[in-house]
Amino acid sequence: MYTKITGARCNRHKFVAACSLALTCFAAGLASPSPILHKKRSALPLNQILSQMNARAKSLKTVSADLAYTKVTVVVNDKSTESGKLFFQRGKNVAILIDFQKPEPKSVLLLLKQKKAEIYLPKSNQIQDFELEKHSGLVEQFLLLGFGTEVGDLQKSYSIKLMGEEVLDGDTTAVLELTPRKSEVASQLSKVQLWVSEESWIPAQQEFFESGGDYLIARYTDVKVNRELPSSTFRINAPKDVKHVKMG
């Protein structure tokens, strides 16, 4: 049985779901502060880094990783953290599942071909259903930034600058600063920093700076690339009596 939410609340939920649903409505990140960036020349120039990222983008099929998301609200000095696991699949059916475990269980499923998303809240035995018809492209601009995005498309959306190198948990990363070119993205983000692993050539960390000054960090560890993931990975396991709430 569905409960339907309409009006301004519905429109707001649509946008939040599209831009940062998998980042749990822009509440995401890392329990510890962002690492200090040492401004030095990278061992590789920007064109070689982008070439490696482009080669990875073309070959990327699946990603699984542990994740930590932190949202920092600067004005009130508030930090909220969620952690869990990420599963990502490219191909005919682009799908993302984020299985949050702390501080409380929650599952976020995005099916981009079907242009829909679901958030399962076990505590209330509820699944919130979102339609992403108008905003699925923005999901890729945020959540999937650096995951399978070909460099040509990345350069259409962002001005890219190489900041240097940073070692995260023993992994050497190239640090890129991305400034949005498109107004619909720039209205949400002033810039993005990507810490791109020089082993896997996908992000080990993303940092999103909102136009209002708040920021969030997404940190990925124990990353596994192109491992086979069963189709059952991208389903929400909920009891039969779960309540569906249509958000838009």
Protein backbone atom coordinates (compact mmCIF):
# COMPACT_ATOMS: atom_id res chain seq x y z
CA MET A 1 0.00 0.00 0.00
CA TYR A 2 1.36 3.45 -0.92
CA THR A 3 1.10 6.73 0.91
CA LYS A 4 1.64 9.65 -1.47
CA ILE A 5 3.31 12.96 -0.60
CA THR A 6 2.56 15.84 -2.98
CA GLY A 7 3.15 19.57 -3.44
CA ALA A 8 6.23 21.53 -2.45
CA ARG A 9 7.44 18.74 -0.18
CA CYS A 10 7.31 16.33 -3.11
CA ASN A 11 9.37 18.64 -5.34
CA ARG A 12 11.92 19.17 -2.62
CA HIS A 13 12.28 15.44 -2.05
CA LYS A 14 12.76 14.87 -5.78
CA PHE A 15 15.63 17.31 -5.96
CA VAL A 16 17.33 16.08 -2.79
CA ALA A 17 16.99 12.50 -3.96
CA ALA A 18 18.55 13.30 -7.31
CA CYS A 19 21.44 15.48 -6.19
CA SER A 20 22.54 13.62 -3.13
CA LEU A 21 20.22 10.78 -2.29
CA ALA A 22 23.00 8.26 -2.12
CA LEU A 23 24.93 10.78 -0.09
CA THR A 24 21.86 10.68 2.17
CA CYS A 25 20.50 14.11 1.41
CA PHE A 26 23.93 15.71 1.58
CA ALA A 27 24.58 14.26 5.06
CA ALA A 28 27.71 12.24 4.47
CA GLY A 29 31.48 11.45 5.09
CA LEU A 30 34.38 10.75 7.34
CA ALA A 31 34.65 10.51 11.11
CA SER A 32 38.12 12.10 11.14
CA PRO A 33 39.13 15.47 9.62
CA SER A 34 40.16 15.69 5.98
CA PRO A 35 43.87 14.99 5.50
CA ILE A 36 46.14 17.98 5.05
CA LEU A 37 47.07 18.48 1.41
CA HIS A 38 50.78 18.94 0.82
CA LYS A 39 51.10 21.20 -2.17
CA LYS A 40 53.83 19.64 -4.25
CA ARG A 41 54.27 18.54 -7.82
CA SER A 42 52.67 15.23 -8.61
CA ALA A 43 54.85 12.42 -9.89
CA LEU A 44 52.54 12.38 -12.90
CA PRO A 45 51.34 15.41 -14.90
CA LEU A 46 47.62 16.11 -15.19
CA ASN A 47 47.29 14.79 -18.74
CA GLN A 48 48.71 11.40 -17.75
CA ILE A 49 46.45 11.21 -14.68
CA LEU A 50 43.40 11.98 -16.82
CA SER A 51 44.51 9.41 -19.37
CA GLN A 52 44.74 6.73 -16.66
CA MET A 53 41.33 7.74 -15.28
CA ASN A 54 39.83 7.56 -18.76
CA ALA A 55 41.22 4.07 -19.35
CA ARG A 56 39.77 2.93 -16.02
CA ALA A 57 36.42 4.54 -16.84
CA LYS A 58 36.16 2.52 -20.04
CA SER A 59 36.97 -0.77 -18.30
CA LEU A 60 35.04 -0.23 -15.06
CA LYS A 61 32.21 -2.71 -14.47
CA THR A 62 31.74 -2.98 -10.71
CA VAL A 63 33.00 -1.42 -7.49
CA SER A 64 32.51 -2.50 -3.91
CA ALA A 65 33.96 -0.64 -0.93
CA ASP A 66 33.59 0.28 2.70
CA LEU A 67 32.54 3.89 3.02
CA ALA A 68 32.30 6.67 5.54
CA TYR A 69 30.25 9.81 4.90
CA THR A 70 30.41 13.02 6.96
CA LYS A 71 28.42 16.21 6.57
CA VAL A 72 29.85 19.33 8.25
CA THR A 73 27.59 22.31 8.94
CA VAL A 74 30.04 25.14 9.52
CA VAL A 75 27.79 27.78 11.13
CA VAL A 76 26.71 25.57 14.02
CA ASN A 77 29.91 23.50 14.00
CA ASP A 78 27.92 20.28 13.58
CA LYS A 79 29.23 17.04 12.11
CA SER A 80 27.09 13.99 11.28
CA THR A 81 28.61 10.69 10.20
CA GLU A 82 27.28 7.55 8.56
CA SER A 83 29.24 4.47 7.53
CA GLY A 84 28.55 1.24 5.69
CA LYS A 85 29.22 -0.40 2.32
CA LEU A 86 28.91 0.72 -1.30
CA PHE A 87 28.13 -1.49 -4.31
CA PHE A 88 28.18 -0.05 -7.84
CA GLN A 89 27.48 -1.66 -11.21
CA ARG A 90 27.82 -0.21 -14.70
CA GLY A 91 26.52 -1.57 -17.98
CA LYS A 92 22.97 -1.78 -19.27
CA ASN A 93 21.58 -1.40 -15.76
CA VAL A 94 23.53 1.18 -13.75
CA ALA A 95 22.81 0.46 -10.12
CA ILE A 96 24.10 1.65 -6.75
CA LEU A 97 23.37 0.21 -3.33
CA ILE A 98 24.59 1.88 -0.16
CA ASP A 99 24.05 -0.25 2.91
CA PHE A 100 24.49 1.99 5.95
CA GLN A 101 25.25 0.23 9.21
CA LYS A 102 26.05 3.10 11.62
CA PRO A 103 24.69 5.04 13.41
CA GLU A 104 21.59 3.05 12.44
CA PRO A 105 20.76 0.63 9.60
CA LYS A 106 19.47 2.12 6.35
CA SER A 107 19.68 1.03 2.70
CA VAL A 108 19.73 3.35 -0.31
CA LEU A 109 19.16 1.82 -3.76
CA LEU A 110 19.42 3.75 -7.03
CA LEU A 111 18.44 2.22 -10.38
CA LEU A 112 19.41 4.83 -12.95
CA LYS A 113 17.99 3.14 -16.04
CA GLN A 114 14.61 2.84 -14.33
CA LYS A 115 15.09 6.39 -12.99
CA LYS A 116 14.02 5.45 -9.52
CA ALA A 117 15.42 5.16 -6.03
CA GLU A 118 14.43 3.61 -2.73
CA ILE A 119 15.41 4.26 0.86
CA TYR A 120 14.69 1.44 3.29
CA LEU A 121 14.34 2.41 6.94
CA PRO A 122 14.24 -0.80 9.02
CA LYS A 123 13.48 1.07 12.24
CA SER A 124 10.12 2.26 10.88
CA ASN A 125 9.70 -0.71 8.49
CA GLN A 126 9.29 1.75 5.62
CA ILE A 127 10.55 2.11 2.06
CA GLN A 128 10.53 5.61 0.58
CA ASP A 129 10.15 5.50 -3.22
CA PHE A 130 11.58 8.32 -5.37
CA GLU A 131 11.15 9.07 -9.06
CA LEU A 132 14.31 10.49 -10.67
CA GLU A 133 12.93 11.14 -14.13
CA LYS A 134 14.15 14.75 -14.32
CA HIS A 135 17.21 14.54 -12.13
CA SER A 136 19.01 11.23 -12.73
CA GLY A 137 21.82 13.11 -14.49
CA LEU A 138 22.55 15.04 -11.32
CA VAL A 139 23.02 11.80 -9.39
CA GLU A 140 25.93 11.03 -11.70
CA GLN A 141 27.32 14.54 -11.21
CA PHE A 142 27.50 13.97 -7.45
CA LEU A 143 27.63 10.36 -6.32
CA LEU A 144 29.34 8.90 -9.38
CA LEU A 145 31.89 11.68 -9.80
CA GLY A 146 35.07 9.88 -10.83
CA PHE A 147 33.47 6.43 -10.91
CA GLY A 148 33.40 5.43 -14.56
CA THR A 149 33.07 9.01 -15.80
CA GLU A 150 35.01 9.40 -19.05
CA VAL A 151 37.36 12.38 -18.99
CA GLY A 152 35.71 14.10 -21.96
CA ASP A 153 32.41 14.22 -20.08
CA LEU A 154 34.17 15.29 -16.90
CA GLN A 155 35.84 18.21 -18.68
CA LYS A 156 32.51 19.33 -20.14
CA SER A 157 31.13 19.71 -16.63
CA TYR A 158 34.20 20.83 -14.67
CA SER A 159 37.39 22.83 -14.95
CA ILE A 160 40.09 20.46 -13.63
CA LYS A 161 43.23 21.49 -11.73
CA LEU A 162 45.96 19.24 -10.31
CA MET A 163 46.76 20.16 -6.70
CA GLY A 164 49.48 17.61 -5.92
CA GLU A 165 49.71 14.23 -4.24
CA GLU A 166 48.45 12.93 -0.88
CA VAL A 167 49.00 9.56 0.79
CA LEU A 168 45.80 8.13 2.30
CA ASP A 169 46.23 4.98 4.38
CA GLY A 170 49.32 4.07 2.40
CA ASP A 171 47.67 4.71 -0.98
CA THR A 172 49.25 7.44 -3.11
CA THR A 173 46.54 9.64 -4.59
CA ALA A 174 46.49 12.45 -7.13
CA VAL A 175 44.44 15.35 -5.78
CA LEU A 176 42.25 17.10 -8.34
CA GLU A 177 40.19 20.24 -7.83
CA LEU A 178 37.05 20.45 -9.95
CA THR A 179 35.17 23.70 -10.47
CA PRO A 180 31.65 23.32 -11.96
CA ARG A 181 31.00 24.81 -15.38
CA LYS A 182 27.24 24.18 -15.38
CA SER A 183 24.99 26.56 -13.45
CA GLU A 184 22.75 23.77 -12.11
CA VAL A 185 25.78 22.19 -10.44
CA ALA A 186 27.46 25.47 -9.45
CA SER A 187 24.30 26.49 -7.59
CA GLN A 188 24.87 23.51 -5.30
CA LEU A 189 28.67 23.23 -5.24
CA SER A 190 31.46 25.80 -5.33
CA LYS A 191 34.07 23.10 -5.99
CA VAL A 192 34.91 19.42 -5.55
CA GLN A 193 38.18 17.76 -4.63
CA LEU A 194 38.93 14.20 -5.71
CA TRP A 195 41.68 12.07 -4.21
CA VAL A 196 42.22 9.62 -7.07
CA SER A 197 44.05 6.39 -6.21
CA GLU A 198 47.10 5.92 -8.41
CA GLU A 199 46.53 2.18 -8.13
CA SER A 200 42.84 1.79 -9.01
CA TRP A 201 42.39 5.21 -10.73
CA ILE A 202 39.04 5.80 -9.03
CA PRO A 203 38.37 8.10 -6.07
CA ALA A 204 39.64 7.11 -2.65
CA GLN A 205 37.94 10.24 -1.35
CA GLN A 206 35.61 12.98 -2.56
CA GLU A 207 35.11 16.33 -0.83
CA PHE A 208 32.15 18.48 -1.84
CA PHE A 209 32.11 22.18 -0.93
CA GLU A 210 28.63 23.65 -0.94
CA SER A 211 28.02 27.22 -2.06
CA GLY A 212 26.92 28.17 1.47
CA GLY A 213 30.20 27.04 3.04
CA ASP A 214 29.20 23.63 4.37
CA TYR A 215 31.02 20.59 3.05
CA LEU A 216 30.92 16.84 3.02
CA ILE A 217 33.49 14.10 2.62
CA ALA A 218 33.03 10.66 1.14
CA ARG A 219 35.83 8.22 2.01
CA TYR A 220 36.21 4.80 0.33
CA THR A 221 38.38 2.00 1.73
CA ASP A 222 38.93 -1.70 0.97
CA VAL A 223 37.98 -0.92 -2.64
CA LYS A 224 37.48 -3.88 -4.98
CA VAL A 225 37.15 -3.25 -8.72
CA ASN A 226 35.50 -5.47 -11.35
CA ARG A 227 34.60 -8.29 -8.98
CA GLU A 228 31.46 -10.18 -9.98
CA LEU A 229 28.42 -9.00 -8.03
CA PRO A 230 25.26 -11.15 -8.08
CA SER A 231 22.05 -9.46 -9.23
CA SER A 232 20.64 -9.96 -5.74
CA THR A 233 23.15 -7.36 -4.51
CA PHE A 234 20.98 -4.62 -5.94
CA ARG A 235 17.77 -5.47 -4.14
CA ILE A 236 16.49 -4.24 -0.83
CA ASN A 237 15.75 -7.08 1.54
CA ALA A 238 12.72 -5.96 3.50
CA PRO A 239 9.93 -7.91 5.23
CA LYS A 240 6.71 -8.55 3.30
CA ASP A 241 4.73 -6.15 5.48
CA VAL A 242 7.04 -3.19 4.78
CA LYS A 243 5.17 0.07 4.12
CA HIS A 244 5.89 1.96 0.86
CA VAL A 245 5.74 5.77 0.86
CA LYS A 246 5.79 7.44 -2.56
CA MET A 247 7.90 10.58 -2.40
CA GLY A 248 7.43 11.73 -5.98
